[in-house]
C-alpha atoms as a PDB file:
ATOM      1  CA  MET A   1      49.916  96.675 122.373  1.00  0.00           C
ATOM      2  CA  ARG A   2      48.599  96.243 125.831  1.00  0.00           C
ATOM      3  CA  ARG A   3      51.019  95.871 128.811  1.00  0.00           C
ATOM      4  CA  ILE A   4      50.004  94.014 132.264  1.00  0.00           C
ATOM      5  CA  LEU A   5      51.815  94.313 135.173  1.00  0.00           C
ATOM      6  CA  VAL A   6      52.639  90.951 136.984  1.00  0.00           C
ATOM      7  CA  HIS A   7      55.014  92.137 139.619  1.00  0.00           C
ATOM      8  CA  GLU A   8      57.747  94.375 139.858  1.00  0.00           C
ATOM      9  CA  ARG A   9      60.111  95.013 142.556  1.00  0.00           C
ATOM     10  CA  PRO A  10      61.242  98.841 143.618  1.00  0.00           C
ATOM     11  CA  GLU A  11      64.463  98.467 142.509  1.00  0.00           C
ATOM     12  CA  ALA A  12      63.305  97.064 138.967  1.00  0.00           C
ATOM     13  CA  ARG A  13      61.953 100.422 138.309  1.00  0.00           C
ATOM     14  CA  ILE A  14      65.551 101.762 138.086  1.00  0.00           C
ATOM     15  CA  THR A  15      66.191 101.717 134.233  1.00  0.00           C
ATOM     16  CA  PRO A  16      68.527  98.907 134.016  1.00  0.00           C
ATOM     17  CA  VAL A  17      71.456  98.370 131.428  1.00  0.00           C
ATOM     18  CA  ILE A  18      70.420  95.904 129.793  1.00  0.00           C
ATOM     19  CA  PRO A  19      67.212  94.283 129.762  1.00  0.00           C
ATOM     20  CA  VAL A  20      65.921  91.008 128.204  1.00  0.00           C
ATOM     21  CA  VAL A  21      62.549  90.546 126.327  1.00  0.00           C
ATOM     22  CA  VAL A  22      60.943  86.707 126.434  1.00  0.00           C
ATOM     23  CA  LEU A  23      59.138  85.845 123.018  1.00  0.00           C
ATOM     24  CA  SER A  24      55.984  83.799 124.255  1.00  0.00           C
ATOM     25  CA  ALA A  25      53.148  85.061 122.251  1.00  0.00           C
ATOM     26  CA  GLY A  26      52.881  82.118 119.646  1.00  0.00           C
ATOM     27  CA  MET A  27      50.424  79.520 118.785  1.00  0.00           C
ATOM     28  CA  SER A  28      52.677  76.300 119.964  1.00  0.00           C
ATOM     29  CA  THR A  29      50.814  74.724 117.130  1.00  0.00           C
ATOM     30  CA  ARG A  30      53.290  71.931 116.677  1.00  0.00           C
ATOM     31  CA  MET A  31      53.355  71.476 120.719  1.00  0.00           C
ATOM     32  CA  GLY A  32      49.678  71.401 120.848  1.00  0.00           C
ATOM     33  CA  GLN A  33      49.762  73.314 123.969  1.00  0.00           C
ATOM     34  CA  PRO A  34      50.926  76.672 125.022  1.00  0.00           C
ATOM     35  CA  LYS A  35      55.162  75.594 125.603  1.00  0.00           C
ATOM     36  CA  ALA A  36      54.892  78.680 128.385  1.00  0.00           C
ATOM     37  CA  LEU A  37      52.860  76.405 130.371  1.00  0.00           C
ATOM     38  CA  LEU A  38      54.810  73.142 129.989  1.00  0.00           C
ATOM     39  CA  PRO A  39      56.370  71.781 133.036  1.00  0.00           C
ATOM     40  CA  VAL A  40      60.204  71.464 133.125  1.00  0.00           C
ATOM     41  CA  SER A  41      60.228  70.179 137.107  1.00  0.00           C
ATOM     42  CA  ASP A  42      57.826  69.763 139.570  1.00  0.00           C
ATOM     43  CA  THR A  43      58.098  73.401 140.600  1.00  0.00           C
ATOM     44  CA  ASP A  44      58.695  75.338 137.235  1.00  0.00           C
ATOM     45  CA  THR A  45      57.079  75.868 133.373  1.00  0.00           C
ATOM     46  CA  PHE A  46      59.229  76.749 130.684  1.00  0.00           C
ATOM     47  CA  LEU A  47      58.196  80.287 131.416  1.00  0.00           C
ATOM     48  CA  THR A  48      58.929  80.322 134.700  1.00  0.00           C
ATOM     49  CA  ARG A  49      62.216  78.392 134.309  1.00  0.00           C
ATOM     50  CA  ILE A  50      63.187  81.493 131.941  1.00  0.00           C
ATOM     51  CA  VAL A  51      62.354  84.033 134.106  1.00  0.00           C
ATOM     52  CA  ARG A  52      63.931  82.516 137.140  1.00  0.00           C
ATOM     53  CA  THR A  53      67.470  81.812 135.052  1.00  0.00           C
ATOM     54  CA  PHE A  54      67.617  85.592 134.162  1.00  0.00           C
ATOM     55  CA  LEU A  55      67.144  87.029 137.379  1.00  0.00           C
ATOM     56  CA  GLU A  56      69.784  84.719 138.611  1.00  0.00           C
ATOM     57  CA  ALA A  57      71.862  85.965 136.100  1.00  0.00           C
ATOM     58  CA  GLY A  58      71.388  89.539 137.501  1.00  0.00           C
ATOM     59  CA  VAL A  59      69.355  90.931 134.771  1.00  0.00           C
ATOM     60  CA  ASP A  60      66.809  93.340 136.826  1.00  0.00           C
ATOM     61  CA  ASP A  61      64.296  93.829 133.872  1.00  0.00           C
ATOM     62  CA  VAL A  62      62.353  90.825 132.378  1.00  0.00           C
ATOM     63  CA  VAL A  63      59.880  91.677 129.564  1.00  0.00           C
ATOM     64  CA  VAL A  64      57.641  88.567 128.538  1.00  0.00           C
ATOM     65  CA  VAL A  65      55.695  88.955 125.419  1.00  0.00           C
ATOM     66  CA  LEU A  66      52.552  87.298 125.174  1.00  0.00           C
ATOM     67  CA  GLY A  67      49.748  86.548 122.692  1.00  0.00           C
ATOM     68  CA  HIS A  68      48.070  83.514 122.252  1.00  0.00           C
ATOM     69  CA  GLU A  69      45.872  82.470 125.693  1.00  0.00           C
ATOM     70  CA  ALA A  70      47.644  85.936 127.187  1.00  0.00           C
ATOM     71  CA  PRO A  71      45.468  86.036 130.159  1.00  0.00           C
ATOM     72  CA  ARG A  72      45.860  82.319 130.928  1.00  0.00           C
ATOM     73  CA  VAL A  73      49.834  82.809 130.961  1.00  0.00           C
ATOM     74  CA  ALA A  74      50.214  86.033 132.731  1.00  0.00           C
ATOM     75  CA  ALA A  75      48.006  84.787 135.555  1.00  0.00           C
ATOM     76  CA  ARG A  76      50.232  81.502 135.921  1.00  0.00           C
ATOM     77  CA  LEU A  77      53.260  83.801 135.920  1.00  0.00           C
ATOM     78  CA  ALA A  78      51.615  86.176 138.387  1.00  0.00           C
ATOM     79  CA  ALA A  79      50.615  83.707 140.954  1.00  0.00           C
ATOM     80  CA  THR A  80      54.540  82.666 141.041  1.00  0.00           C
ATOM     81  CA  GLY A  81      55.287  86.476 142.318  1.00  0.00           C
ATOM     82  CA  LEU A  82      58.193  86.271 139.808  1.00  0.00           C
ATOM     83  CA  PRO A  83      59.416  89.977 139.496  1.00  0.00           C
ATOM     84  CA  ALA A  84      58.384  90.544 135.752  1.00  0.00           C
ATOM     85  CA  ARG A  85      56.830  92.771 133.349  1.00  0.00           C
ATOM     86  CA  VAL A  86      54.285  91.397 130.430  1.00  0.00           C
ATOM     87  CA  VAL A  87      53.186  92.927 127.326  1.00  0.00           C
ATOM     88  CA  VAL A  88      50.611  91.550 125.112  1.00  0.00           C
ATOM     89  CA  ASN A  89      51.197  91.574 121.446  1.00  0.00           C
ATOM     90  CA  GLU A  90      47.846  91.583 120.029  1.00  0.00           C
ATOM     91  CA  GLN A  91      49.388  90.923 116.569  1.00  0.00           C
ATOM     92  CA  TYR A  92      50.735  88.087 117.407  1.00  0.00           C
ATOM     93  CA  GLU A  93      49.208  85.970 114.661  1.00  0.00           C
ATOM     94  CA  SER A  94      51.261  88.199 111.951  1.00  0.00           C
ATOM     95  CA  GLY A  95      54.414  86.633 113.072  1.00  0.00           C
ATOM     96  CA  GLN A  96      57.322  86.305 115.462  1.00  0.00           C
ATOM     97  CA  PHE A  97      58.692  89.588 114.434  1.00  0.00           C
ATOM     98  CA  SER A  98      56.008  91.758 115.762  1.00  0.00           C
ATOM     99  CA  SER A  99      56.744  90.466 119.113  1.00  0.00           C
ATOM    100  CA  VAL A 100      60.386  91.303 118.753  1.00  0.00           C
ATOM    101  CA  LEU A 101      59.166  95.004 118.017  1.00  0.00           C
ATOM    102  CA  ALA A 102      56.479  94.936 120.968  1.00  0.00           C
ATOM    103  CA  GLY A 103      59.243  93.630 123.252  1.00  0.00           C
ATOM    104  CA  LEU A 104      61.861  96.529 122.129  1.00  0.00           C
ATOM    105  CA  ASN A 105      59.006  99.228 122.274  1.00  0.00           C
ATOM    106  CA  ALA A 106      58.663  97.870 126.138  1.00  0.00           C
ATOM    107  CA  VAL A 107      62.228  98.399 127.193  1.00  0.00           C
ATOM    108  CA  ASP A 108      63.444 100.897 124.769  1.00  0.00           C
ATOM    109  CA  ARG A 109      64.553 104.221 127.560  1.00  0.00           C
ATOM    110  CA  PRO A 110      67.041 105.770 128.136  1.00  0.00           C
ATOM    111  CA  GLY A 111      70.403 104.377 129.753  1.00  0.00           C
ATOM    112  CA  VAL A 112      69.397 101.079 128.275  1.00  0.00           C
ATOM    113  CA  ARG A 113      72.576  99.831 126.134  1.00  0.00           C
ATOM    114  CA  ALA A 114      71.477  96.962 124.810  1.00  0.00           C
ATOM    115  CA  LEU A 115      68.772  94.007 124.976  1.00  0.00           C
ATOM    116  CA  LEU A 116      68.782  90.455 125.397  1.00  0.00           C
ATOM    117  CA  LEU A 117      66.303  88.439 123.079  1.00  0.00           C
ATOM    118  CA  THR A 118      65.590  84.867 124.002  1.00  0.00           C
ATOM    119  CA  LEU A 119      62.373  82.384 123.009  1.00  0.00           C
ATOM    120  CA  VAL A 120      60.221  80.352 125.578  1.00  0.00           C
ATOM    121  CA  ASP A 121      61.294  77.430 123.525  1.00  0.00           C
ATOM    122  CA  VAL A 122      64.409  77.529 125.028  1.00  0.00           C
ATOM    123  CA  PRO A 123      63.931  77.003 128.516  1.00  0.00           C
ATOM    124  CA  LEU A 124      67.066  74.699 129.678  1.00  0.00           C
ATOM    125  CA  LEU A 125      69.836  77.837 129.171  1.00  0.00           C
ATOM    126  CA  ASN A 126      71.806  78.643 132.403  1.00  0.00           C
ATOM    127  CA  ALA A 127      72.477  81.503 134.153  1.00  0.00           C
ATOM    128  CA  ALA A 128      76.439  81.168 133.642  1.00  0.00           C
ATOM    129  CA  THR A 129      75.670  81.773 130.001  1.00  0.00           C
ATOM    130  CA  VAL A 130      73.689  84.504 130.193  1.00  0.00           C
ATOM    131  CA  ARG A 131      76.291  86.265 132.157  1.00  0.00           C
ATOM    132  CA  ALA A 132      78.831  85.422 129.786  1.00  0.00           C
ATOM    133  CA  VAL A 133      77.269  87.009 126.815  1.00  0.00           C
ATOM    134  CA  VAL A 134      76.694  90.187 129.003  1.00  0.00           C
ATOM    135  CA  GLU A 135      80.285  90.072 129.973  1.00  0.00           C
ATOM    136  CA  ARG A 136      81.654  89.561 126.448  1.00  0.00           C
ATOM    137  CA  TYR A 137      79.491  92.833 125.583  1.00  0.00           C
ATOM    138  CA  ARG A 138      80.943  94.604 128.171  1.00  0.00           C
ATOM    139  CA  ALA A 139      84.374  93.660 127.302  1.00  0.00           C
ATOM    140  CA  THR A 140      83.865  94.399 123.634  1.00  0.00           C
ATOM    141  CA  GLY A 141      81.016  96.371 122.718  1.00  0.00           C
ATOM    142  CA  ALA A 142      80.478  93.726 119.806  1.00  0.00           C
ATOM    143  CA  PRO A 143      76.576  94.847 118.467  1.00  0.00           C
ATOM    144  CA  ILE A 144      75.348  91.426 118.492  1.00  0.00           C
ATOM    145  CA  VAL A 145      76.795  88.750 121.347  1.00  0.00           C
ATOM    146  CA  ARG A 146      75.531  85.179 121.087  1.00  0.00           C
ATOM    147  CA  PRO A 147      76.382  82.056 122.648  1.00  0.00           C
ATOM    148  CA  VAL A 148      78.197  79.561 120.205  1.00  0.00           C
ATOM    149  CA  ARG A 149      79.224  75.963 120.218  1.00  0.00           C
ATOM    150  CA  GLY A 150      81.130  75.241 117.105  1.00  0.00           C
ATOM    151  CA  LEU A 151      78.771  76.148 114.036  1.00  0.00           C
ATOM    152  CA  GLU A 152      75.758  76.153 116.167  1.00  0.00           C
ATOM    153  CA  HIS A 153      74.588  79.699 118.042  1.00  0.00           C
ATOM    154  CA  GLY A 154      72.429  79.699 120.703  1.00  0.00           C
ATOM    155  CA  HIS A 155      70.521  81.897 122.822  1.00  0.00           C
ATOM    156  CA  PRO A 156      69.931  84.475 124.222  1.00  0.00           C
ATOM    157  CA  VAL A 157      71.099  86.991 121.386  1.00  0.00           C
ATOM    158  CA  LEU A 158      72.050  90.393 122.717  1.00  0.00           C
ATOM    159  CA  ILE A 159      71.377  93.223 120.193  1.00  0.00           C
ATOM    160  CA  ASP A 160      73.205  96.742 120.809  1.00  0.00           C
ATOM    161  CA  ARG A 161      71.054  99.876 121.102  1.00  0.00           C
ATOM    162  CA  SER A 162      72.639 101.143 117.697  1.00  0.00           C
ATOM    163  CA  LEU A 163      70.579  98.377 115.741  1.00  0.00           C
ATOM    164  CA  PHE A 164      67.373  99.599 117.644  1.00  0.00           C
ATOM    165  CA  ALA A 165      66.304 101.667 114.918  1.00  0.00           C
ATOM    166  CA  GLN A 166      67.203  98.765 112.006  1.00  0.00           C
ATOM    167  CA  LEU A 167      64.895  96.350 113.676  1.00  0.00           C
ATOM    168  CA  ARG A 168      62.123  98.827 113.795  1.00  0.00           C
ATOM    169  CA  SER A 169      62.692  99.413 109.853  1.00  0.00           C
ATOM    170  CA  ALA A 170      63.281  95.986 109.187  1.00  0.00           C
ATOM    171  CA  ASP A 171      61.151  93.973 106.391  1.00  0.00           C
ATOM    172  CA  ARG A 172      58.498  92.647 108.327  1.00  0.00           C
ATOM    173  CA  SER A 173      58.691  89.595 106.524  1.00  0.00           C
ATOM    174  CA  GLN A 174      62.139  88.642 107.246  1.00  0.00           C
ATOM    175  CA  GLY A 175      62.391  89.992 110.622  1.00  0.00           C
ATOM    176  CA  ALA A 176      65.459  90.441 112.845  1.00  0.00           C
ATOM    177  CA  LYS A 177      67.748  87.446 111.350  1.00  0.00           C
ATOM    178  CA  PRO A 178      69.301  89.497 108.516  1.00  0.00           C
ATOM    179  CA  ILE A 179      70.311  92.201 110.867  1.00  0.00           C
ATOM    180  CA  VAL A 180      71.805  89.692 113.546  1.00  0.00           C
ATOM    181  CA  ARG A 181      73.565  87.789 110.644  1.00  0.00           C
ATOM    182  CA  GLY A 182      74.983  91.520 109.195  1.00  0.00           C
ATOM    183  CA  HIS A 183      76.726  92.231 112.570  1.00  0.00           C
ATOM    184  CA  VAL A 184      77.933  89.132 113.961  1.00  0.00           C
ATOM    185  CA  SER A 185      81.782  89.060 114.711  1.00  0.00           C
ATOM    186  CA  PRO A 186      84.507  86.697 116.323  1.00  0.00           C
ATOM    187  CA  ALA A 187      84.541  89.155 119.097  1.00  0.00           C
ATOM    188  CA  GLY A 188      80.736  88.480 120.001  1.00  0.00           C
ATOM    189  CA  ASP A 189      80.475  84.873 119.575  1.00  0.00           C
ATOM    190  CA  VAL A 190      81.068  83.315 123.068  1.00  0.00           C
ATOM    191  CA  GLU A 191      81.827  79.838 123.297  1.00  0.00           C
ATOM    192  CA  VAL A 192      79.790  78.025 126.063  1.00  0.00           C
ATOM    193  CA  ASP A 193      79.456  74.460 127.512  1.00  0.00           C
ATOM    194  CA  ASP A 194      75.615  74.741 127.735  1.00  0.00           C
ATOM    195  CA  ALA A 195      73.393  72.527 125.589  1.00  0.00           C
ATOM    196  CA  GLY A 196      70.293  74.155 127.107  1.00  0.00           C
ATOM    197  CA  SER A 197      71.066  77.198 125.214  1.00  0.00           C
ATOM    198  CA  PHE A 198      71.016  75.317 121.777  1.00  0.00           C
ATOM    199  CA  LEU A 199      67.935  73.456 122.527  1.00  0.00           C
ATOM    200  CA  ASP A 200      64.764  74.473 120.883  1.00  0.00           C
ATOM    201  CA  ILE A 201      62.000  72.377 121.738  1.00  0.00           C
ATOM    202  CA  ASP A 202      58.841  72.835 119.627  1.00  0.00           C
ATOM    203  CA  THR A 203      57.230  69.204 119.841  1.00  0.00           C
ATOM    204  CA  PRO A 204      56.067  66.480 121.786  1.00  0.00           C
ATOM    205  CA  ASP A 205      58.797  64.068 121.253  1.00  0.00           C
ATOM    206  CA  GLU A 206      61.487  66.571 121.640  1.00  0.00           C
ATOM    207  CA  TYR A 207      60.309  67.843 124.870  1.00  0.00           C
ATOM    208  CA  ALA A 208      59.880  64.054 126.250  1.00  0.00           C
ATOM    209  CA  ARG A 209      63.546  63.819 125.358  1.00  0.00           C
ATOM    210  CA  ALA A 210      64.801  66.809 126.608  1.00  0.00           C
ATOM    211  CA  ILE A 211      62.627  66.780 129.897  1.00  0.00           C
ATOM    212  CA  GLY A 212      62.845  62.998 130.276  1.00  0.00           C
ATOM    213  CA  ARG A 213      58.975  62.471 130.513  1.00  0.00           C
ATOM    214  CA  PRO A 214      56.121  62.457 128.135  1.00  0.00           C
ATOM    215  CA  LEU A 215      53.918  65.632 127.517  1.00  0.00           C
ATOM    216  CA  LEU A 216      50.503  64.829 129.414  1.00  0.00           C
END
């Protein structure tokens, strides 16, 4: 695992309570090009929109896990000046869970109570949803907190540090899903009115529908 410092504010060196890990290491096979670099507006890509959203929500430590085309994505992120840390997962081809562990190892230190986890595939979630998840965790201490809409569940997912050891010892073929599903609860499910939290964009057709313009 290799770390690249993109840009760090002095206050970000103070251990935050709840950092976020953004998974952006995959090959974007179905999209045909790196999702991290796709535009969502005239000023933001998928990745920069996500980073801005978490910063707006008050998350001080934003960690982005890269793999495929990492230097290119890291350079684009660095050019924005956004305060984020980048971790390069050299084993990204082994699957998404290797990136979860790379992110966990990057953020886990004394004082961290939980982590937020999200995907670069979900660029349109809003800051109010992030705040709602964190506020529910602080109110209940639920080990898993996630946005829900009826039977759907979205991003980000908050994972309490009491589950970090289980993540590290999890079956690599199954990843984090059994741990998350095994610890969800009514206390940790937050009803939100945020379509972006549930919108996973994986293909050119999904991109065109979500963003309102075709993929170039």
